[in-house]
């Protein structure tokens, strides 16, 4: 577990994930938009993929 990186050590994947989570939250609450939720989920998944590839 000691070799596990912290999320903020890879700013690109962290930013993608946070943006995705923000869009999912916005789509579920304020905008009530399935499109925003789908885009947010895709960005969150992209952040996870980028984090895995940079390890």
N, C-alpha and C. Protein backbone atom coordinates (compact mmCIF):
# COMPACT_ATOMS: atom_id res chain seq x y z
N UNK A 1 0.81 -1.20 0.00
CA UNK A 1 0.00 0.00 0.00
C UNK A 1 0.85 1.26 0.00
N UNK A 2 2.08 1.15 0.40
CA UNK A 2 2.93 2.33 0.49
C UNK A 2 3.25 2.91 -0.89
N UNK A 3 3.18 2.08 -1.92
CA UNK A 3 3.49 2.58 -3.27
C UNK A 3 2.29 3.21 -3.95
N UNK A 4 1.15 3.22 -3.29
CA UNK A 4 -0.06 3.82 -3.87
C UNK A 4 0.05 5.34 -3.91
N UNK A 5 -0.24 5.92 -5.05
CA UNK A 5 -0.13 7.37 -5.22
C UNK A 5 -1.37 8.06 -4.72
N UNK A 6 -1.20 9.25 -4.24
CA UNK A 6 -2.33 10.08 -3.81
C UNK A 6 -2.96 10.73 -5.03
N UNK A 7 -4.27 11.01 -5.01
CA UNK A 7 -4.94 11.57 -6.19
C UNK A 7 -4.35 12.90 -6.64
N UNK A 8 -3.94 13.73 -5.71
CA UNK A 8 -3.44 15.05 -6.07
C UNK A 8 -2.01 15.01 -6.60
N UNK A 9 -1.36 13.85 -6.59
CA UNK A 9 -0.02 13.73 -7.16
C UNK A 9 -0.07 13.64 -8.69
N UNK A 10 -1.23 13.37 -9.24
CA UNK A 10 -1.43 13.36 -10.69
C UNK A 10 -2.54 14.36 -11.02
N UNK A 11 -2.17 15.64 -11.19
CA UNK A 11 -3.17 16.69 -11.32
C UNK A 11 -4.14 16.51 -12.50
N UNK A 12 -3.68 15.93 -13.59
CA UNK A 12 -4.55 15.77 -14.76
C UNK A 12 -5.70 14.82 -14.46
N UNK A 13 -5.41 13.67 -13.91
CA UNK A 13 -6.49 12.71 -13.62
C UNK A 13 -7.37 13.22 -12.49
N UNK A 14 -6.78 13.90 -11.52
CA UNK A 14 -7.55 14.46 -10.41
C UNK A 14 -8.53 15.51 -10.92
N UNK A 15 -8.06 16.38 -11.81
CA UNK A 15 -8.92 17.43 -12.37
C UNK A 15 -10.05 16.83 -13.20
N UNK A 16 -9.74 15.82 -14.01
CA UNK A 16 -10.78 15.17 -14.81
C UNK A 16 -11.84 14.55 -13.91
N UNK A 17 -11.40 13.87 -12.87
CA UNK A 17 -12.35 13.23 -11.96
C UNK A 17 -13.21 14.24 -11.22
N UNK A 18 -12.59 15.31 -10.74
CA UNK A 18 -13.35 16.32 -10.01
C UNK A 18 -14.34 17.04 -10.92
N UNK A 19 -13.93 17.34 -12.15
CA UNK A 19 -14.84 17.96 -13.11
C UNK A 19 -16.01 17.03 -13.42
N UNK A 20 -15.70 15.75 -13.59
CA UNK A 20 -16.75 14.77 -13.85
C UNK A 20 -17.74 14.66 -12.71
N UNK A 21 -17.22 14.62 -11.48
CA UNK A 21 -18.09 14.53 -10.30
C UNK A 21 -18.95 15.79 -10.20
N UNK A 22 -18.36 16.94 -10.49
CA UNK A 22 -19.12 18.18 -10.47
C UNK A 22 -20.24 18.19 -11.49
N UNK A 23 -19.96 17.70 -12.68
CA UNK A 23 -20.99 17.66 -13.72
C UNK A 23 -22.10 16.66 -13.38
N UNK A 24 -21.72 15.53 -12.78
CA UNK A 24 -22.74 14.57 -12.36
C UNK A 24 -23.65 15.21 -11.31
N UNK A 25 -23.04 15.87 -10.34
CA UNK A 25 -23.83 16.54 -9.30
C UNK A 25 -24.73 17.63 -9.88
N UNK A 26 -24.18 18.41 -10.79
CA UNK A 26 -24.97 19.46 -11.43
C UNK A 26 -26.12 18.87 -12.25
N UNK A 27 -25.82 17.82 -12.97
CA UNK A 27 -26.85 17.19 -13.80
C UNK A 27 -27.95 16.54 -12.99
N UNK A 28 -27.60 16.03 -11.81
CA UNK A 28 -28.61 15.38 -10.97
C UNK A 28 -29.45 16.37 -10.17
N UNK A 29 -28.88 17.50 -9.81
CA UNK A 29 -29.60 18.41 -8.91
C UNK A 29 -30.17 19.64 -9.62
N UNK A 30 -29.32 20.49 -10.13
CA UNK A 30 -29.76 21.79 -10.64
C UNK A 30 -30.34 21.68 -12.05
N UNK A 31 -29.58 21.11 -12.97
CA UNK A 31 -29.99 21.11 -14.37
C UNK A 31 -30.97 19.99 -14.71
N UNK A 32 -30.98 18.92 -13.90
CA UNK A 32 -31.84 17.77 -14.16
C UNK A 32 -31.65 17.30 -15.61
N UNK A 33 -30.39 17.03 -15.96
CA UNK A 33 -30.05 16.71 -17.33
C UNK A 33 -29.28 15.38 -17.41
N UNK A 34 -29.81 14.46 -18.19
CA UNK A 34 -29.17 13.17 -18.39
C UNK A 34 -27.86 13.35 -19.16
N UNK A 35 -27.83 14.31 -20.06
CA UNK A 35 -26.63 14.56 -20.86
C UNK A 35 -25.47 14.98 -19.96
N UNK A 36 -25.70 15.89 -19.01
CA UNK A 36 -24.64 16.31 -18.09
C UNK A 36 -24.16 15.14 -17.23
N UNK A 37 -25.08 14.31 -16.80
CA UNK A 37 -24.70 13.14 -15.99
C UNK A 37 -23.84 12.20 -16.81
N UNK A 38 -24.19 11.98 -18.07
CA UNK A 38 -23.42 11.08 -18.93
C UNK A 38 -22.03 11.65 -19.21
N UNK A 39 -21.94 12.93 -19.48
CA UNK A 39 -20.64 13.56 -19.72
C UNK A 39 -19.80 13.51 -18.45
N UNK A 40 -20.41 13.79 -17.31
CA UNK A 40 -19.69 13.73 -16.04
C UNK A 40 -19.17 12.34 -15.73
N UNK A 41 -20.00 11.34 -15.98
CA UNK A 41 -19.57 9.96 -15.75
C UNK A 41 -18.40 9.59 -16.68
N UNK A 42 -18.47 10.04 -17.92
CA UNK A 42 -17.39 9.76 -18.86
C UNK A 42 -16.09 10.44 -18.43
N UNK A 43 -16.17 11.67 -17.96
CA UNK A 43 -14.97 12.37 -17.49
C UNK A 43 -14.39 11.73 -16.24
N UNK A 44 -15.24 11.28 -15.35
CA UNK A 44 -14.76 10.60 -14.15
C UNK A 44 -14.06 9.30 -14.53
N UNK A 45 -14.63 8.56 -15.45
CA UNK A 45 -14.00 7.33 -15.92
C UNK A 45 -12.68 7.63 -16.63
N UNK A 46 -12.64 8.70 -17.41
CA UNK A 46 -11.40 9.09 -18.08
C UNK A 46 -10.32 9.44 -17.06
N UNK A 47 -10.69 10.10 -15.98
CA UNK A 47 -9.73 10.40 -14.93
C UNK A 47 -9.15 9.15 -14.31
N UNK A 48 -9.98 8.14 -14.11
CA UNK A 48 -9.50 6.87 -13.55
C UNK A 48 -8.56 6.17 -14.53
N UNK A 49 -8.88 6.22 -15.81
CA UNK A 49 -8.02 5.59 -16.83
C UNK A 49 -6.68 6.30 -16.91
N UNK A 50 -6.69 7.62 -16.89
CA UNK A 50 -5.44 8.39 -16.93
C UNK A 50 -4.58 8.08 -15.70
N UNK A 51 -5.22 7.96 -14.54
CA UNK A 51 -4.46 7.65 -13.32
C UNK A 51 -3.83 6.27 -13.40
N UNK A 52 -4.54 5.31 -13.96
CA UNK A 52 -3.99 3.95 -14.09
C UNK A 52 -2.83 3.92 -15.07
N UNK A 53 -2.94 4.65 -16.16
CA UNK A 53 -1.89 4.62 -17.19
C UNK A 53 -0.62 5.32 -16.75
N UNK A 54 -0.72 6.27 -15.85
CA UNK A 54 0.47 7.01 -15.43
C UNK A 54 1.19 6.34 -14.27
N UNK A 55 0.66 5.26 -13.75
CA UNK A 55 1.34 4.55 -12.66
C UNK A 55 2.58 3.88 -13.09
